[in-house]
């Protein structure tokens, strides 16, 4: 499949292009940017990456590229408008998180994708690392299920020119990192042996912990559904911490680098059960490549509708988090 990348973001350069270099399912990858830096991005791409055209402008790319699938990147407020343009052009779409900064924009994108029978997927790529399934397996093999989750993802402040400091570009910790809380709850509180599936969204509580200028820089949250609860701390105003702890009746699992795992390194899970402790190694996996591969396979099989449901669940949770924290979603 031919891919068109809209946006010259750091994540495209550091993670997506190297992932595509290992992916046979992408035969060509075009790149478009509003700035001439797109050419530099292509020049810096791994030699094995699928070659493609470079367009200095989105209009030109959408008019001339023969891609079937678009990856929308860039600042957060660009995501929904660019995704909408791609869908209108008949392209399947992957969009960086958050797919939309307002719930009604997510609703509009989903309606358009459904009308055109196109894939619309949000790039919550961490969910595709092998360690996530391995966490769930630790509970399943003991006929157990996660009921308490503690998630922490906090990083040092970004450089002053980063868009996350600018409200008009969709900055702020809730918009940029809220999806990690939403997706983690969705992944771990699903149907499992001895556990009823969640029939309605979690009830979310949230509080902003810090501000800089016009944006929130950190938040704490609590998501509750019956006896299940996720407690989270997220932001970009502390020392680096990237950790997940998952508890059940008979099982406890914790891991570092839960949300951004290096593609070439295995990761270790610390597992406790019946007061016995062991380490279980998750194999290395490139979450970006595995995610793209999964999306392409679902498009080929005509089963891409599940991505829309995932996006809708997470968009509602993000809206609930922002509302609970008193943030405007207008």
C-alpha atoms as a PDB file:
ATOM      1  CA  UNK A   1       0.000   0.000   0.000  1.00  0.00           C
ATOM      2  CA  UNK A   2       1.140   3.544  -0.735  1.00  0.00           C
ATOM      3  CA  UNK A   3       1.227   5.928   2.245  1.00  0.00           C
ATOM      4  CA  UNK A   4       1.076   9.723   2.333  1.00  0.00           C
ATOM      5  CA  UNK A   5       2.495  11.380   5.471  1.00  0.00           C
ATOM      6  CA  UNK A   6       1.056  14.837   6.125  1.00  0.00           C
ATOM      7  CA  UNK A   7       3.159  16.741   8.623  1.00  0.00           C
ATOM      8  CA  UNK A   8       6.865  17.080   9.319  1.00  0.00           C
ATOM      9  CA  UNK A   9       6.728  16.204  13.015  1.00  0.00           C
ATOM     10  CA  UNK A  10       9.510  14.884  15.207  1.00  0.00           C
ATOM     11  CA  UNK A  11       7.627  11.648  15.763  1.00  0.00           C
ATOM     12  CA  UNK A  12       7.488  11.083  11.993  1.00  0.00           C
ATOM     13  CA  UNK A  13      11.232  11.530  11.709  1.00  0.00           C
ATOM     14  CA  UNK A  14      12.265   9.612  14.828  1.00  0.00           C
ATOM     15  CA  UNK A  15       9.801   6.735  14.855  1.00  0.00           C
ATOM     16  CA  UNK A  16       7.510   6.442  11.841  1.00  0.00           C
ATOM     17  CA  UNK A  17      10.040   6.556   8.994  1.00  0.00           C
ATOM     18  CA  UNK A  18      12.399   4.056  10.669  1.00  0.00           C
ATOM     19  CA  UNK A  19       9.411   1.762  11.309  1.00  0.00           C
ATOM     20  CA  UNK A  20       8.365   1.925   7.651  1.00  0.00           C
ATOM     21  CA  UNK A  21      11.887   0.859   6.703  1.00  0.00           C
ATOM     22  CA  UNK A  22      11.090  -2.559   8.179  1.00  0.00           C
ATOM     23  CA  UNK A  23       7.561  -2.864   6.826  1.00  0.00           C
ATOM     24  CA  UNK A  24       6.906  -4.757   3.592  1.00  0.00           C
ATOM     25  CA  UNK A  25       3.234  -3.736   3.604  1.00  0.00           C
ATOM     26  CA  UNK A  26       4.145  -0.131   2.653  1.00  0.00           C
ATOM     27  CA  UNK A  27       5.534   0.008  -0.857  1.00  0.00           C
ATOM     28  CA  UNK A  28       5.932   3.771  -1.064  1.00  0.00           C
ATOM     29  CA  UNK A  29       5.762   6.631   1.452  1.00  0.00           C
ATOM     30  CA  UNK A  30       5.217  10.186   0.236  1.00  0.00           C
ATOM     31  CA  UNK A  31       5.873  13.107   2.598  1.00  0.00           C
ATOM     32  CA  UNK A  32       4.213  16.515   2.601  1.00  0.00           C
ATOM     33  CA  UNK A  33       4.900  19.544   4.763  1.00  0.00           C
ATOM     34  CA  UNK A  34       3.991  23.195   4.812  1.00  0.00           C
ATOM     35  CA  UNK A  35       7.721  23.893   5.141  1.00  0.00           C
ATOM     36  CA  UNK A  36      10.695  22.940   2.947  1.00  0.00           C
ATOM     37  CA  UNK A  37      11.947  20.779   5.825  1.00  0.00           C
ATOM     38  CA  UNK A  38      10.010  17.843   4.372  1.00  0.00           C
ATOM     39  CA  UNK A  39      12.800  17.341   1.868  1.00  0.00           C
ATOM     40  CA  UNK A  40      15.315  17.135   4.675  1.00  0.00           C
ATOM     41  CA  UNK A  41      13.113  14.608   6.425  1.00  0.00           C
ATOM     42  CA  UNK A  42      13.125  12.383   3.363  1.00  0.00           C
ATOM     43  CA  UNK A  43      16.855  12.791   2.914  1.00  0.00           C
ATOM     44  CA  UNK A  44      17.386  11.725   6.523  1.00  0.00           C
ATOM     45  CA  UNK A  45      15.091   8.704   6.241  1.00  0.00           C
ATOM     46  CA  UNK A  46      16.676   5.253   6.561  1.00  0.00           C
ATOM     47  CA  UNK A  47      18.013   4.023   3.261  1.00  0.00           C
ATOM     48  CA  UNK A  48      15.716   1.004   3.379  1.00  0.00           C
ATOM     49  CA  UNK A  49      12.582   3.114   3.941  1.00  0.00           C
ATOM     50  CA  UNK A  50      10.055   2.937   1.119  1.00  0.00           C
ATOM     51  CA  UNK A  51      10.888   5.780  -1.225  1.00  0.00           C
ATOM     52  CA  UNK A  52       8.313   8.301  -2.311  1.00  0.00           C
ATOM     53  CA  UNK A  53       7.582  11.812  -3.438  1.00  0.00           C
ATOM     54  CA  UNK A  54       8.176  14.948  -1.365  1.00  0.00           C
ATOM     55  CA  UNK A  55       5.542  17.669  -1.572  1.00  0.00           C
ATOM     56  CA  UNK A  56       6.030  21.205  -0.262  1.00  0.00           C
ATOM     57  CA  UNK A  57       2.403  21.734   0.647  1.00  0.00           C
ATOM     58  CA  UNK A  58      -0.650  19.702   1.617  1.00  0.00           C
ATOM     59  CA  UNK A  59      -2.759  20.880  -1.321  1.00  0.00           C
ATOM     60  CA  UNK A  60      -0.206  19.636  -3.829  1.00  0.00           C
ATOM     61  CA  UNK A  61       0.176  16.323  -2.022  1.00  0.00           C
ATOM     62  CA  UNK A  62      -3.550  15.645  -1.802  1.00  0.00           C
ATOM     63  CA  UNK A  63      -3.977  16.504  -5.454  1.00  0.00           C
ATOM     64  CA  UNK A  64      -1.051  14.522  -6.865  1.00  0.00           C
ATOM     65  CA  UNK A  65      -0.179  11.663  -4.534  1.00  0.00           C
ATOM     66  CA  UNK A  66      -1.525   8.265  -5.505  1.00  0.00           C
ATOM     67  CA  UNK A  67      -1.593   7.073  -1.886  1.00  0.00           C
ATOM     68  CA  UNK A  68      -4.458   4.993  -0.508  1.00  0.00           C
ATOM     69  CA  UNK A  69      -3.642   5.674   3.159  1.00  0.00           C
ATOM     70  CA  UNK A  70      -2.697   8.942   4.867  1.00  0.00           C
ATOM     71  CA  UNK A  71      -0.915   9.458   8.182  1.00  0.00           C
ATOM     72  CA  UNK A  72      -1.793  12.888   9.623  1.00  0.00           C
ATOM     73  CA  UNK A  73       0.756  14.383  12.009  1.00  0.00           C
ATOM     74  CA  UNK A  74       1.766  17.876  13.131  1.00  0.00           C
ATOM     75  CA  UNK A  75       0.311  20.156  15.783  1.00  0.00           C
ATOM     76  CA  UNK A  76      -2.851  18.965  17.525  1.00  0.00           C
ATOM     77  CA  UNK A  77      -5.230  21.492  15.981  1.00  0.00           C
ATOM     78  CA  UNK A  78      -4.185  20.358  12.477  1.00  0.00           C
ATOM     79  CA  UNK A  79      -5.245  16.771  13.054  1.00  0.00           C
ATOM     80  CA  UNK A  80      -9.004  16.933  12.521  1.00  0.00           C
ATOM     81  CA  UNK A  81      -9.008  19.399   9.568  1.00  0.00           C
ATOM     82  CA  UNK A  82      -6.336  17.436   7.692  1.00  0.00           C
ATOM     83  CA  UNK A  83      -7.997  14.098   8.456  1.00  0.00           C
ATOM     84  CA  UNK A  84     -11.275  15.481   7.111  1.00  0.00           C
ATOM     85  CA  UNK A  85      -9.620  16.599   3.887  1.00  0.00           C
ATOM     86  CA  UNK A  86      -8.063  13.173   3.426  1.00  0.00           C
ATOM     87  CA  UNK A  87     -11.380  11.402   3.974  1.00  0.00           C
ATOM     88  CA  UNK A  88     -13.051  13.732   1.482  1.00  0.00           C
ATOM     89  CA  UNK A  89     -10.370  12.739  -1.054  1.00  0.00           C
ATOM     90  CA  UNK A  90     -11.204   9.070  -0.491  1.00  0.00           C
ATOM     91  CA  UNK A  91      -8.138   8.161   1.574  1.00  0.00           C
ATOM     92  CA  UNK A  92      -8.073   5.837   4.545  1.00  0.00           C
ATOM     93  CA  UNK A  93      -6.640   7.802   7.470  1.00  0.00           C
ATOM     94  CA  UNK A  94      -4.382   7.294  10.462  1.00  0.00           C
ATOM     95  CA  UNK A  95      -4.245  10.400  12.644  1.00  0.00           C
ATOM     96  CA  UNK A  96      -1.889  11.197  15.497  1.00  0.00           C
ATOM     97  CA  UNK A  97      -3.379  11.519  18.961  1.00  0.00           C
ATOM     98  CA  UNK A  98      -5.524  13.377  19.772  1.00  0.00           C
ATOM     99  CA  UNK A  99      -7.502  12.774  16.584  1.00  0.00           C
ATOM    100  CA  UNK A 100      -9.592  15.819  17.430  1.00  0.00           C
ATOM    101  CA  UNK A 101      -9.361  18.537  20.064  1.00  0.00           C
ATOM    102  CA  UNK A 102     -13.178  18.726  20.360  1.00  0.00           C
ATOM    103  CA  UNK A 103     -15.670  15.899  20.665  1.00  0.00           C
ATOM    104  CA  UNK A 104     -17.918  17.283  17.944  1.00  0.00           C
ATOM    105  CA  UNK A 105     -14.991  17.250  15.514  1.00  0.00           C
ATOM    106  CA  UNK A 106     -14.401  13.578  16.278  1.00  0.00           C
ATOM    107  CA  UNK A 107     -18.102  12.916  15.658  1.00  0.00           C
ATOM    108  CA  UNK A 108     -17.910  14.657  12.283  1.00  0.00           C
ATOM    109  CA  UNK A 109     -14.820  12.679  11.227  1.00  0.00           C
ATOM    110  CA  UNK A 110     -16.402   9.388  12.251  1.00  0.00           C
ATOM    111  CA  UNK A 111     -19.603  10.169  10.362  1.00  0.00           C
ATOM    112  CA  UNK A 112     -17.618  11.007   7.220  1.00  0.00           C
ATOM    113  CA  UNK A 113     -15.501   7.851   7.463  1.00  0.00           C
ATOM    114  CA  UNK A 114     -18.623   5.754   7.909  1.00  0.00           C
ATOM    115  CA  UNK A 115     -20.353   7.453   4.970  1.00  0.00           C
ATOM    116  CA  UNK A 116     -17.341   6.837   2.680  1.00  0.00           C
ATOM    117  CA  UNK A 117     -16.587   3.355   4.091  1.00  0.00           C
ATOM    118  CA  UNK A 118     -13.051   4.451   4.938  1.00  0.00           C
ATOM    119  CA  UNK A 119     -10.743   3.540   7.792  1.00  0.00           C
ATOM    120  CA  UNK A 120     -10.229   6.173  10.463  1.00  0.00           C
ATOM    121  CA  UNK A 121      -7.698   5.134  13.103  1.00  0.00           C
ATOM    122  CA  UNK A 122      -6.058   7.073  15.916  1.00  0.00           C
ATOM    123  CA  UNK A 123      -2.364   6.341  16.428  1.00  0.00           C
ATOM    124  CA  UNK A 124      -2.363   5.028  19.992  1.00  0.00           C
ATOM    125  CA  UNK A 125       0.593   2.917  18.970  1.00  0.00           C
ATOM    126  CA  UNK A 126       1.746   1.900  22.472  1.00  0.00           C
ATOM    127  CA  UNK A 127      -1.209  -0.494  22.591  1.00  0.00           C
ATOM    128  CA  UNK A 128       0.417  -2.605  19.861  1.00  0.00           C
ATOM    129  CA  UNK A 129       3.672  -3.395  21.634  1.00  0.00           C
ATOM    130  CA  UNK A 130       3.889  -7.113  22.557  1.00  0.00           C
ATOM    131  CA  UNK A 131       4.166  -6.205  26.254  1.00  0.00           C
ATOM    132  CA  UNK A 132       0.495  -5.124  26.401  1.00  0.00           C
ATOM    133  CA  UNK A 133      -0.759  -8.538  25.379  1.00  0.00           C
ATOM    134  CA  UNK A 134       1.762 -10.140  27.721  1.00  0.00           C
ATOM    135  CA  UNK A 135       0.350  -8.125  30.647  1.00  0.00           C
ATOM    136  CA  UNK A 136      -3.134  -9.378  29.837  1.00  0.00           C
ATOM    137  CA  UNK A 137      -1.847 -12.941  29.499  1.00  0.00           C
ATOM    138  CA  UNK A 138      -0.460 -12.845  33.042  1.00  0.00           C
ATOM    139  CA  UNK A 139      -3.986 -12.290  34.346  1.00  0.00           C
ATOM    140  CA  UNK A 140      -5.716 -14.671  31.938  1.00  0.00           C
ATOM    141  CA  UNK A 141      -3.471 -17.618  32.845  1.00  0.00           C
ATOM    142  CA  UNK A 142      -4.504 -17.212  36.487  1.00  0.00           C
ATOM    143  CA  UNK A 143      -8.207 -16.722  35.679  1.00  0.00           C
ATOM    144  CA  UNK A 144      -7.818 -13.186  36.965  1.00  0.00           C
ATOM    145  CA  UNK A 145      -8.530  -9.723  35.573  1.00  0.00           C
ATOM    146  CA  UNK A 146      -7.154  -6.230  36.149  1.00  0.00           C
ATOM    147  CA  UNK A 147      -9.184  -4.181  38.599  1.00  0.00           C
ATOM    148  CA  UNK A 148      -6.784  -1.437  39.757  1.00  0.00           C
ATOM    149  CA  UNK A 149      -4.369   0.412  37.509  1.00  0.00           C
ATOM    150  CA  UNK A 150      -1.838   3.119  38.335  1.00  0.00           C
ATOM    151  CA  UNK A 151      -0.330   4.920  35.353  1.00  0.00           C
ATOM    152  CA  UNK A 152       2.353   7.608  35.410  1.00  0.00           C
ATOM    153  CA  UNK A 153       3.717   9.290  32.298  1.00  0.00           C
ATOM    154  CA  UNK A 154       5.476  12.562  33.021  1.00  0.00           C
ATOM    155  CA  UNK A 155       8.402  14.168  31.246  1.00  0.00           C
ATOM    156  CA  UNK A 156      10.641  17.235  31.687  1.00  0.00           C
ATOM    157  CA  UNK A 157       9.459  20.514  30.123  1.00  0.00           C
ATOM    158  CA  UNK A 158       9.696  20.809  26.344  1.00  0.00           C
ATOM    159  CA  UNK A 159      11.730  23.510  24.640  1.00  0.00           C
ATOM    160  CA  UNK A 160      10.104  26.934  24.489  1.00  0.00           C
ATOM    161  CA  UNK A 161       9.278  26.619  20.770  1.00  0.00           C
ATOM    162  CA  UNK A 162       7.230  23.434  21.237  1.00  0.00           C
ATOM    163  CA  UNK A 163       3.566  23.768  20.205  1.00  0.00           C
ATOM    164  CA  UNK A 164       2.446  22.104  23.449  1.00  0.00           C
ATOM    165  CA  UNK A 165       2.914  25.439  25.223  1.00  0.00           C
ATOM    166  CA  UNK A 166       0.399  27.139  22.905  1.00  0.00           C
ATOM    167  CA  UNK A 167      -3.317  26.786  23.545  1.00  0.00           C
ATOM    168  CA  UNK A 168      -4.261  27.884  20.017  1.00  0.00           C
ATOM    169  CA  UNK A 169      -2.302  24.910  18.630  1.00  0.00           C
ATOM    170  CA  UNK A 170      -3.948  22.362  20.930  1.00  0.00           C
ATOM    171  CA  UNK A 171      -1.258  22.484  23.597  1.00  0.00           C
ATOM    172  CA  UNK A 172      -1.593  21.371  27.177  1.00  0.00           C
ATOM    173  CA  UNK A 173      -1.134  18.081  28.992  1.00  0.00           C
ATOM    174  CA  UNK A 174      -4.785  17.016  28.933  1.00  0.00           C
ATOM    175  CA  UNK A 175      -5.071  17.249  25.161  1.00  0.00           C
ATOM    176  CA  UNK A 176      -1.649  15.810  24.483  1.00  0.00           C
ATOM    177  CA  UNK A 177      -1.499  13.041  27.113  1.00  0.00           C
ATOM    178  CA  UNK A 178      -5.093  12.382  28.146  1.00  0.00           C
ATOM    179  CA  UNK A 179      -5.345   9.690  25.506  1.00  0.00           C
ATOM    180  CA  UNK A 180      -2.874   7.549  27.465  1.00  0.00           C
ATOM    181  CA  UNK A 181      -5.286   7.386  30.406  1.00  0.00           C
ATOM    182  CA  UNK A 182      -8.255   6.702  28.128  1.00  0.00           C
ATOM    183  CA  UNK A 183      -6.557   3.989  26.080  1.00  0.00           C
ATOM    184  CA  UNK A 184      -4.994   2.272  29.105  1.00  0.00           C
ATOM    185  CA  UNK A 185      -8.396   1.905  30.770  1.00  0.00           C
ATOM    186  CA  UNK A 186      -9.882   0.605  27.522  1.00  0.00           C
ATOM    187  CA  UNK A 187      -7.111  -1.949  27.056  1.00  0.00           C
ATOM    188  CA  UNK A 188      -7.058  -3.328  30.596  1.00  0.00           C
ATOM    189  CA  UNK A 189     -10.695  -3.124  31.713  1.00  0.00           C
ATOM    190  CA  UNK A 190     -12.188  -5.057  28.831  1.00  0.00           C
ATOM    191  CA  UNK A 191     -13.822  -8.459  28.956  1.00  0.00           C
ATOM    192  CA  UNK A 192     -11.778 -11.133  30.730  1.00  0.00           C
ATOM    193  CA  UNK A 193     -12.401 -14.380  32.625  1.00  0.00           C
ATOM    194  CA  UNK A 194     -14.532 -13.630  35.672  1.00  0.00           C
ATOM    195  CA  UNK A 195     -14.989 -10.003  34.666  1.00  0.00           C
ATOM    196  CA  UNK A 196     -18.036  -8.356  33.161  1.00  0.00           C
ATOM    197  CA  UNK A 197     -17.214  -6.058  30.241  1.00  0.00           C
ATOM    198  CA  UNK A 198     -17.758  -2.362  30.801  1.00  0.00           C
ATOM    199  CA  UNK A 199     -21.103  -1.448  29.255  1.00  0.00           C
ATOM    200  CA  UNK A 200     -20.703   2.324  29.599  1.00  0.00           C
ATOM    201  CA  UNK A 201     -17.783   4.783  29.688  1.00  0.00           C
ATOM    202  CA  UNK A 202     -15.857   5.102  32.914  1.00  0.00           C
ATOM    203  CA  UNK A 203     -16.760   7.963  35.180  1.00  0.00           C
ATOM    204  CA  UNK A 204     -13.774  10.282  34.985  1.00  0.00           C
ATOM    205  CA  UNK A 205     -12.503  12.768  37.554  1.00  0.00           C
ATOM    206  CA  UNK A 206      -9.534  15.020  36.858  1.00  0.00           C
ATOM    207  CA  UNK A 207      -7.658  17.986  38.261  1.00  0.00           C
ATOM    208  CA  UNK A 208      -5.060  20.206  36.653  1.00  0.00           C
ATOM    209  CA  UNK A 209      -1.843  20.202  38.703  1.00  0.00           C
ATOM    210  CA  UNK A 210       0.109  22.943  36.982  1.00  0.00           C
ATOM    211  CA  UNK A 211      -0.149  25.691  34.395  1.00  0.00           C
ATOM    212  CA  UNK A 212       2.194  27.731  32.266  1.00  0.00           C
ATOM    213  CA  UNK A 213       0.810  30.630  30.343  1.00  0.00           C
ATOM    214  CA  UNK A 214      -2.488  29.531  28.867  1.00  0.00           C
ATOM    215  CA  UNK A 215      -2.033  25.759  29.041  1.00  0.00           C
ATOM    216  CA  UNK A 216      -2.197  23.031  31.656  1.00  0.00           C
ATOM    217  CA  UNK A 217       1.155  21.340  32.185  1.00  0.00           C
ATOM    218  CA  UNK A 218       0.089  18.340  34.299  1.00  0.00           C
ATOM    219  CA  UNK A 219      -3.015  16.598  35.545  1.00  0.00           C
ATOM    220  CA  UNK A 220      -4.116  13.801  37.848  1.00  0.00           C
ATOM    221  CA  UNK A 221      -7.119  11.646  37.037  1.00  0.00           C
ATOM    222  CA  UNK A 222      -9.343   8.885  38.352  1.00  0.00           C
ATOM    223  CA  UNK A 223     -11.482   6.688  36.120  1.00  0.00           C
ATOM    224  CA  UNK A 224     -14.005   4.419  37.859  1.00  0.00           C
ATOM    225  CA  UNK A 225     -16.374   1.713  36.636  1.00  0.00           C
ATOM    226  CA  UNK A 226     -17.833  -0.444  39.383  1.00  0.00           C
ATOM    227  CA  UNK A 227     -14.922  -1.980  41.314  1.00  0.00           C
ATOM    228  CA  UNK A 228     -12.398  -1.078  38.626  1.00  0.00           C
ATOM    229  CA  UNK A 229     -10.331   2.084  38.873  1.00  0.00           C
ATOM    230  CA  UNK A 230      -7.459   3.777  37.064  1.00  0.00           C
ATOM    231  CA  UNK A 231      -5.407   6.413  38.854  1.00  0.00           C
ATOM    232  CA  UNK A 232      -3.096   8.453  36.663  1.00  0.00           C
ATOM    233  CA  UNK A 233      -0.579  11.284  36.717  1.00  0.00           C
ATOM    234  CA  UNK A 234       0.494  12.809  33.425  1.00  0.00           C
ATOM    235  CA  UNK A 235       2.331  15.923  32.391  1.00  0.00           C
ATOM    236  CA  UNK A 236       5.446  17.683  31.170  1.00  0.00           C
ATOM    237  CA  UNK A 237       6.772  19.429  34.254  1.00  0.00           C
ATOM    238  CA  UNK A 238       8.720  16.747  36.189  1.00  0.00           C
ATOM    239  CA  UNK A 239      11.597  14.331  35.924  1.00  0.00           C
ATOM    240  CA  UNK A 240      10.940  11.509  33.447  1.00  0.00           C
ATOM    241  CA  UNK A 241       8.668   8.694  34.608  1.00  0.00           C
ATOM    242  CA  UNK A 242       6.915   6.181  32.352  1.00  0.00           C
ATOM    243  CA  UNK A 243       5.374   3.425  34.474  1.00  0.00           C
ATOM    244  CA  UNK A 244       2.339   1.182  34.692  1.00  0.00           C
ATOM    245  CA  UNK A 245       1.165  -0.971  37.609  1.00  0.00           C
ATOM    246  CA  UNK A 246      -1.760  -3.356  37.175  1.00  0.00           C
ATOM    247  CA  UNK A 247      -3.448  -5.206  40.053  1.00  0.00           C
ATOM    248  CA  UNK A 248      -5.997  -7.981  40.163  1.00  0.00           C
ATOM    249  CA  UNK A 249      -7.317 -10.366  42.809  1.00  0.00           C
ATOM    250  CA  UNK A 250      -4.392 -12.784  42.470  1.00  0.00           C
ATOM    251  CA  UNK A 251      -1.963 -10.990  40.167  1.00  0.00           C
ATOM    252  CA  UNK A 252       0.155  -7.843  40.103  1.00  0.00           C
ATOM    253  CA  UNK A 253       2.193  -6.656  37.117  1.00  0.00           C
ATOM    254  CA  UNK A 254       4.389  -3.599  36.818  1.00  0.00           C
ATOM    255  CA  UNK A 255       6.561  -2.335  33.986  1.00  0.00           C
ATOM    256  CA  UNK A 256       8.707   0.630  33.020  1.00  0.00           C
ATOM    257  CA  UNK A 257       8.627   2.364  29.610  1.00  0.00           C
ATOM    258  CA  UNK A 258       4.991   1.353  29.275  1.00  0.00           C
ATOM    259  CA  UNK A 259       3.975   4.096  26.833  1.00  0.00           C
ATOM    260  CA  UNK A 260       7.113   4.660  24.750  1.00  0.00           C
ATOM    261  CA  UNK A 261       9.100   1.456  24.477  1.00  0.00           C
ATOM    262  CA  UNK A 262      12.298   1.308  22.422  1.00  0.00           C
ATOM    263  CA  UNK A 263      11.668  -0.682  19.212  1.00  0.00           C
ATOM    264  CA  UNK A 264      14.809  -2.827  19.395  1.00  0.00           C
ATOM    265  CA  UNK A 265      14.905  -3.700  23.079  1.00  0.00           C
ATOM    266  CA  UNK A 266      12.958  -6.286  25.079  1.00  0.00           C
ATOM    267  CA  UNK A 267      11.162  -5.049  28.182  1.00  0.00           C
ATOM    268  CA  UNK A 268      10.844  -6.750  31.556  1.00  0.00           C
ATOM    269  CA  UNK A 269       7.579  -7.173  33.467  1.00  0.00           C
ATOM    270  CA  UNK A 270       7.697  -7.666  37.221  1.00  0.00           C
ATOM    271  CA  UNK A 271       4.970 -10.180  38.104  1.00  0.00           C
ATOM    272  CA  UNK A 272       3.721 -11.120  41.579  1.00  0.00           C
ATOM    273  CA  UNK A 273       1.216 -13.883  42.314  1.00  0.00           C
ATOM    274  CA  UNK A 274       0.535 -15.672  45.623  1.00  0.00           C
ATOM    275  CA  UNK A 275       3.482 -13.746  47.066  1.00  0.00           C
ATOM    276  CA  UNK A 276       5.831 -15.257  44.470  1.00  0.00           C
ATOM    277  CA  UNK A 277       7.799 -12.900  42.283  1.00  0.00           C
ATOM    278  CA  UNK A 278       9.159 -13.413  38.813  1.00  0.00           C
ATOM    279  CA  UNK A 279      10.339 -11.443  35.834  1.00  0.00           C
ATOM    280  CA  UNK A 280       8.756 -12.010  32.454  1.00  0.00           C
ATOM    281  CA  UNK A 281      10.439 -10.634  29.351  1.00  0.00           C
ATOM    282  CA  UNK A 282       8.392  -9.079  26.581  1.00  0.00           C
ATOM    283  CA  UNK A 283      10.055  -9.391  23.175  1.00  0.00           C
ATOM    284  CA  UNK A 284      11.225  -6.309  21.335  1.00  0.00           C
ATOM    285  CA  UNK A 285       8.637  -4.803  19.062  1.00  0.00           C
ATOM    286  CA  UNK A 286       8.292  -1.662  16.993  1.00  0.00           C
ATOM    287  CA  UNK A 287       4.884  -0.393  18.082  1.00  0.00           C
ATOM    288  CA  UNK A 288       4.672   2.014  15.127  1.00  0.00           C
ATOM    289  CA  UNK A 289       5.336  -0.689  12.576  1.00  0.00           C
ATOM    290  CA  UNK A 290       3.028  -3.190  14.264  1.00  0.00           C
ATOM    291  CA  UNK A 291       0.257  -0.602  14.389  1.00  0.00           C
ATOM    292  CA  UNK A 292       0.578   0.348  10.699  1.00  0.00           C
ATOM    293  CA  UNK A 293       0.703  -3.316   9.749  1.00  0.00           C
ATOM    294  CA  UNK A 294      -2.487  -4.001  11.715  1.00  0.00           C
ATOM    295  CA  UNK A 295      -4.310  -1.070  10.119  1.00  0.00           C
ATOM    296  CA  UNK A 296      -3.325  -2.110   6.595  1.00  0.00           C
ATOM    297  CA  UNK A 297      -4.357  -5.715   7.231  1.00  0.00           C
ATOM    298  CA  UNK A 298      -7.761  -4.616   8.512  1.00  0.00           C
ATOM    299  CA  UNK A 299      -8.294  -2.418   5.445  1.00  0.00           C
ATOM    300  CA  UNK A 300      -7.381  -5.310   3.137  1.00  0.00           C
ATOM    301  CA  UNK A 301      -9.800  -7.596   4.975  1.00  0.00           C
ATOM    302  CA  UNK A 302     -12.608  -5.033   5.014  1.00  0.00           C
ATOM    303  CA  UNK A 303     -12.692  -5.016   8.822  1.00  0.00           C
ATOM    304  CA  UNK A 304     -11.490  -1.495   9.516  1.00  0.00           C
ATOM    305  CA  UNK A 305     -14.645  -0.416  11.373  1.00  0.00           C
ATOM    306  CA  UNK A 306     -13.156  -1.440  14.720  1.00  0.00           C
ATOM    307  CA  UNK A 307     -10.739   1.494  14.552  1.00  0.00           C
ATOM    308  CA  UNK A 308     -13.646   3.923  14.480  1.00  0.00           C
ATOM    309  CA  UNK A 309     -15.100   2.364  17.626  1.00  0.00           C
ATOM    310  CA  UNK A 310     -11.743   2.633  19.399  1.00  0.00           C
ATOM    311  CA  UNK A 311     -11.383   6.267  18.373  1.00  0.00           C
ATOM    312  CA  UNK A 312     -14.924   7.032  19.556  1.00  0.00           C
ATOM    313  CA  UNK A 313     -14.375   5.430  22.956  1.00  0.00           C
ATOM    314  CA  UNK A 314     -11.145   7.338  23.519  1.00  0.00           C
ATOM    315  CA  UNK A 315     -12.546  10.644  22.235  1.00  0.00           C
ATOM    316  CA  UNK A 316     -15.429  10.430  24.710  1.00  0.00           C
ATOM    317  CA  UNK A 317     -13.018   9.640  27.547  1.00  0.00           C
ATOM    318  CA  UNK A 318     -10.764  12.564  26.614  1.00  0.00           C
ATOM    319  CA  UNK A 319     -13.798  14.857  26.522  1.00  0.00           C
ATOM    320  CA  UNK A 320     -14.873  13.593  29.955  1.00  0.00           C
ATOM    321  CA  UNK A 321     -11.382  14.144  31.370  1.00  0.00           C
ATOM    322  CA  UNK A 322     -11.198  17.710  30.080  1.00  0.00           C
ATOM    323  CA  UNK A 323     -14.698  18.491  31.271  1.00  0.00           C
ATOM    324  CA  UNK A 324     -13.954  17.102  34.739  1.00  0.00           C
ATOM    325  CA  UNK A 325     -10.821  19.247  34.914  1.00  0.00           C
ATOM    326  CA  UNK A 326     -12.746  22.377  33.943  1.00  0.00           C
ATOM    327  CA  UNK A 327     -11.083  22.737  30.550  1.00  0.00           C
ATOM    328  CA  UNK A 328     -13.039  24.307  27.682  1.00  0.00           C
ATOM    329  CA  UNK A 329     -14.022  21.934  24.868  1.00  0.00           C
ATOM    330  CA  UNK A 330     -15.776  24.596  22.765  1.00  0.00           C
END
